[in-house]
């Protein structure tokens, strides 16, 4: 349901939830509240899934949660 709602239902799966070769950095362009709301909503849904059914994604979800207040496009791509 979440994948369908985000338009990712036809996406390919990946072997690891978060690419360790990608360095996440704070958003250099400043605050973008519209992206923050979208990221926070998706993070909340993924945290529920991680805590109840998929503990293998818990690290990735929590790592991305640290950028909720000021996400960049990089953070949105990483969560998807």
N, C-alpha and C. Protein backbone atom coordinates (compact mmCIF):
# COMPACT_ATOMS: atom_id res chain seq x y z
N UNK A 1 0.82 -1.19 0.00
CA UNK A 1 0.00 0.00 0.00
C UNK A 1 0.86 1.26 0.00
N UNK A 2 1.91 1.28 0.83
CA UNK A 2 2.79 2.45 0.88
C UNK A 2 3.49 2.64 -0.46
N UNK A 3 3.97 1.55 -1.04
CA UNK A 3 4.65 1.66 -2.33
C UNK A 3 3.71 2.20 -3.40
N UNK A 4 2.49 1.74 -3.40
CA UNK A 4 1.51 2.22 -4.39
C UNK A 4 1.24 3.70 -4.18
N UNK A 5 1.06 4.10 -2.93
CA UNK A 5 0.76 5.50 -2.62
C UNK A 5 1.91 6.43 -3.03
N UNK A 6 3.14 5.95 -2.91
CA UNK A 6 4.31 6.75 -3.27
C UNK A 6 4.69 6.61 -4.74
N UNK A 7 3.96 5.79 -5.49
CA UNK A 7 4.26 5.60 -6.90
C UNK A 7 5.47 4.72 -7.14
N UNK A 8 5.78 3.85 -6.17
CA UNK A 8 6.96 3.01 -6.26
C UNK A 8 6.62 1.53 -6.38
N UNK A 9 5.39 1.21 -6.69
CA UNK A 9 4.97 -0.19 -6.73
C UNK A 9 5.62 -0.99 -7.84
N UNK A 10 6.18 -0.34 -8.84
CA UNK A 10 6.87 -1.07 -9.91
C UNK A 10 8.39 -0.96 -9.79
N UNK A 11 8.88 -0.50 -8.65
CA UNK A 11 10.32 -0.34 -8.44
C UNK A 11 10.99 -1.69 -8.21
N UNK A 12 12.26 -1.74 -8.55
CA UNK A 12 13.06 -2.95 -8.30
C UNK A 12 13.48 -2.97 -6.84
N UNK A 13 13.65 -4.16 -6.30
CA UNK A 13 14.12 -4.29 -4.92
C UNK A 13 15.64 -4.11 -4.88
N UNK A 14 16.15 -3.84 -3.69
CA UNK A 14 17.59 -3.68 -3.49
C UNK A 14 18.04 -4.65 -2.42
N UNK A 15 19.33 -4.97 -2.42
CA UNK A 15 19.84 -5.95 -1.46
C UNK A 15 20.05 -5.35 -0.07
N UNK A 16 20.33 -4.05 -0.01
CA UNK A 16 20.50 -3.38 1.28
C UNK A 16 19.57 -2.18 1.34
N UNK A 17 19.00 -1.88 2.51
CA UNK A 17 18.05 -0.78 2.61
C UNK A 17 18.67 0.60 2.44
N UNK A 18 19.96 0.75 2.72
CA UNK A 18 20.61 2.05 2.60
C UNK A 18 22.00 1.83 2.03
N UNK A 19 22.30 2.47 0.92
CA UNK A 19 23.60 2.32 0.28
C UNK A 19 24.67 2.94 1.16
N UNK A 20 25.58 2.13 1.69
CA UNK A 20 26.62 2.61 2.59
C UNK A 20 27.68 3.44 1.87
N UNK A 21 27.70 3.40 0.54
CA UNK A 21 28.66 4.18 -0.23
C UNK A 21 28.20 5.62 -0.43
N UNK A 22 26.95 5.92 -0.10
CA UNK A 22 26.42 7.27 -0.24
C UNK A 22 26.53 7.98 1.11
N UNK A 23 27.21 9.11 1.12
CA UNK A 23 27.35 9.90 2.33
C UNK A 23 26.20 10.89 2.41
N UNK A 24 25.39 10.76 3.43
CA UNK A 24 24.28 11.70 3.63
C UNK A 24 24.80 12.94 4.33
N UNK A 25 24.46 14.10 3.78
CA UNK A 25 24.88 15.37 4.36
C UNK A 25 23.66 16.24 4.60
N UNK A 26 23.75 17.18 5.53
CA UNK A 26 22.62 18.10 5.73
C UNK A 26 22.33 18.89 4.46
N UNK A 27 21.09 19.32 4.34
CA UNK A 27 20.66 20.07 3.16
C UNK A 27 21.41 21.40 3.07
N UNK A 28 22.22 21.58 2.03
CA UNK A 28 22.98 22.83 1.90
C UNK A 28 22.14 24.02 1.44
N UNK A 29 20.93 23.78 0.97
CA UNK A 29 20.10 24.86 0.41
C UNK A 29 19.14 25.46 1.42
N UNK A 30 19.18 25.04 2.66
CA UNK A 30 18.29 25.60 3.66
C UNK A 30 17.00 24.82 3.80
N UNK A 31 16.08 25.39 4.53
CA UNK A 31 14.83 24.71 4.88
C UNK A 31 13.89 24.60 3.67
N UNK A 32 13.26 23.44 3.57
CA UNK A 32 12.24 23.20 2.56
C UNK A 32 11.12 22.44 3.25
N UNK A 33 10.15 23.18 3.79
CA UNK A 33 9.11 22.58 4.63
C UNK A 33 8.23 21.58 3.87
N UNK A 34 8.00 21.79 2.58
CA UNK A 34 7.15 20.86 1.85
C UNK A 34 7.80 19.49 1.77
N UNK A 35 9.10 19.43 1.56
CA UNK A 35 9.80 18.16 1.53
C UNK A 35 9.87 17.54 2.92
N UNK A 36 9.97 18.38 3.95
CA UNK A 36 10.03 17.90 5.32
C UNK A 36 8.76 17.14 5.69
N UNK A 37 7.61 17.67 5.32
CA UNK A 37 6.34 17.02 5.63
C UNK A 37 6.21 15.67 4.92
N UNK A 38 6.60 15.62 3.67
CA UNK A 38 6.53 14.37 2.92
C UNK A 38 7.48 13.33 3.49
N UNK A 39 8.69 13.74 3.81
CA UNK A 39 9.67 12.82 4.37
C UNK A 39 9.22 12.32 5.74
N UNK A 40 8.69 13.20 6.57
CA UNK A 40 8.25 12.82 7.91
C UNK A 40 7.10 11.81 7.84
N UNK A 41 6.17 12.01 6.92
CA UNK A 41 5.05 11.08 6.76
C UNK A 41 5.54 9.70 6.35
N UNK A 42 6.40 9.66 5.36
CA UNK A 42 6.93 8.39 4.87
C UNK A 42 7.79 7.72 5.94
N UNK A 43 8.59 8.49 6.66
CA UNK A 43 9.41 7.93 7.74
C UNK A 43 8.54 7.31 8.82
N UNK A 44 7.44 7.97 9.16
CA UNK A 44 6.53 7.42 10.16
C UNK A 44 5.96 6.09 9.73
N UNK A 45 5.56 5.99 8.48
CA UNK A 45 5.03 4.73 7.97
C UNK A 45 6.09 3.64 7.98
N UNK A 46 7.31 4.00 7.58
CA UNK A 46 8.39 3.01 7.55
C UNK A 46 8.84 2.62 8.95
N UNK A 47 8.78 3.55 9.91
CA UNK A 47 9.15 3.19 11.28
C UNK A 47 8.17 2.18 11.86
N UNK A 48 6.90 2.33 11.56
CA UNK A 48 5.91 1.35 12.00
C UNK A 48 6.25 -0.02 11.43
N UNK A 49 6.54 -0.07 10.14
CA UNK A 49 6.88 -1.34 9.48
C UNK A 49 8.16 -1.91 10.08
N UNK A 50 9.17 -1.06 10.29
CA UNK A 50 10.44 -1.53 10.83
C UNK A 50 10.28 -2.09 12.24
N UNK A 51 9.46 -1.45 13.05
CA UNK A 51 9.28 -1.90 14.43
C UNK A 51 8.39 -3.14 14.54
N UNK A 52 7.52 -3.36 13.58
CA UNK A 52 6.59 -4.48 13.71
C UNK A 52 6.93 -5.69 12.84
N UNK A 53 7.51 -5.46 11.66
CA UNK A 53 7.69 -6.58 10.73
C UNK A 53 9.06 -6.67 10.08
N UNK A 54 9.71 -5.57 9.85
CA UNK A 54 10.94 -5.56 9.05
C UNK A 54 12.09 -4.89 9.81
N UNK A 55 12.63 -5.53 10.83
CA UNK A 55 13.71 -4.89 11.58
C UNK A 55 14.98 -4.65 10.76
N UNK A 56 15.11 -5.29 9.61
CA UNK A 56 16.29 -5.09 8.77
C UNK A 56 16.37 -3.69 8.17
N UNK A 57 15.26 -2.95 8.15
CA UNK A 57 15.30 -1.59 7.61
C UNK A 57 15.39 -0.54 8.71
N UNK A 58 15.44 -0.97 9.97
CA UNK A 58 15.40 -0.04 11.09
C UNK A 58 16.57 0.95 11.08
N UNK A 59 17.80 0.47 10.81
CA UNK A 59 18.94 1.38 10.78
C UNK A 59 18.75 2.46 9.71
N UNK A 60 18.37 2.07 8.53
CA UNK A 60 18.20 3.03 7.43
C UNK A 60 17.13 4.06 7.75
N UNK A 61 16.02 3.61 8.30
CA UNK A 61 14.92 4.52 8.64
C UNK A 61 15.36 5.51 9.71
N UNK A 62 16.02 5.01 10.75
CA UNK A 62 16.48 5.91 11.82
C UNK A 62 17.57 6.86 11.35
N UNK A 63 18.44 6.40 10.47
CA UNK A 63 19.49 7.28 9.93
C UNK A 63 18.87 8.43 9.14
N UNK A 64 17.88 8.14 8.33
CA UNK A 64 17.23 9.17 7.53
C UNK A 64 16.33 10.07 8.38
N UNK A 65 15.86 9.57 9.50
CA UNK A 65 15.02 10.38 10.38
C UNK A 65 15.78 11.58 10.94
N UNK A 66 17.09 11.51 11.01
CA UNK A 66 17.86 12.64 11.53
C UNK A 66 17.84 13.84 10.59
N UNK A 67 17.35 13.66 9.38
CA UNK A 67 17.27 14.76 8.41
C UNK A 67 15.83 15.24 8.19
N UNK A 68 14.92 14.85 9.06
CA UNK A 68 13.50 15.17 8.88
C UNK A 68 13.23 16.67 8.86
N UNK A 69 13.92 17.44 9.69
CA UNK A 69 13.65 18.87 9.80
C UNK A 69 14.10 19.65 8.57
N UNK A 70 15.08 19.15 7.85
CA UNK A 70 15.62 19.89 6.72
C UNK A 70 16.11 18.93 5.63
N UNK A 71 15.20 18.18 5.01
CA UNK A 71 15.64 17.20 4.01
C UNK A 71 15.98 17.83 2.67
N UNK A 72 16.86 17.16 1.97
CA UNK A 72 17.19 17.56 0.60
C UNK A 72 16.66 16.50 -0.34
N UNK A 73 16.84 16.70 -1.61
CA UNK A 73 16.43 15.71 -2.60
C UNK A 73 17.17 14.39 -2.37
N UNK A 74 18.42 14.48 -1.95
CA UNK A 74 19.21 13.29 -1.65
C UNK A 74 18.53 12.42 -0.59
N UNK A 75 17.99 13.03 0.44
CA UNK A 75 17.32 12.30 1.51
C UNK A 75 16.03 11.65 1.01
N UNK A 76 15.29 12.38 0.20
CA UNK A 76 14.05 11.82 -0.37
C UNK A 76 14.35 10.65 -1.28
N UNK A 77 15.41 10.74 -2.05
CA UNK A 77 15.79 9.62 -2.93
C UNK A 77 16.26 8.43 -2.11
N UNK A 78 17.00 8.70 -1.04
CA UNK A 78 17.52 7.60 -0.20
C UNK A 78 16.38 6.84 0.47
N UNK A 79 15.36 7.53 0.90
CA UNK A 79 14.27 6.83 1.58
C UNK A 79 13.43 6.02 0.60
N UNK A 80 13.35 6.48 -0.62
CA UNK A 80 12.56 5.73 -1.61
C UNK A 80 13.37 4.56 -2.14
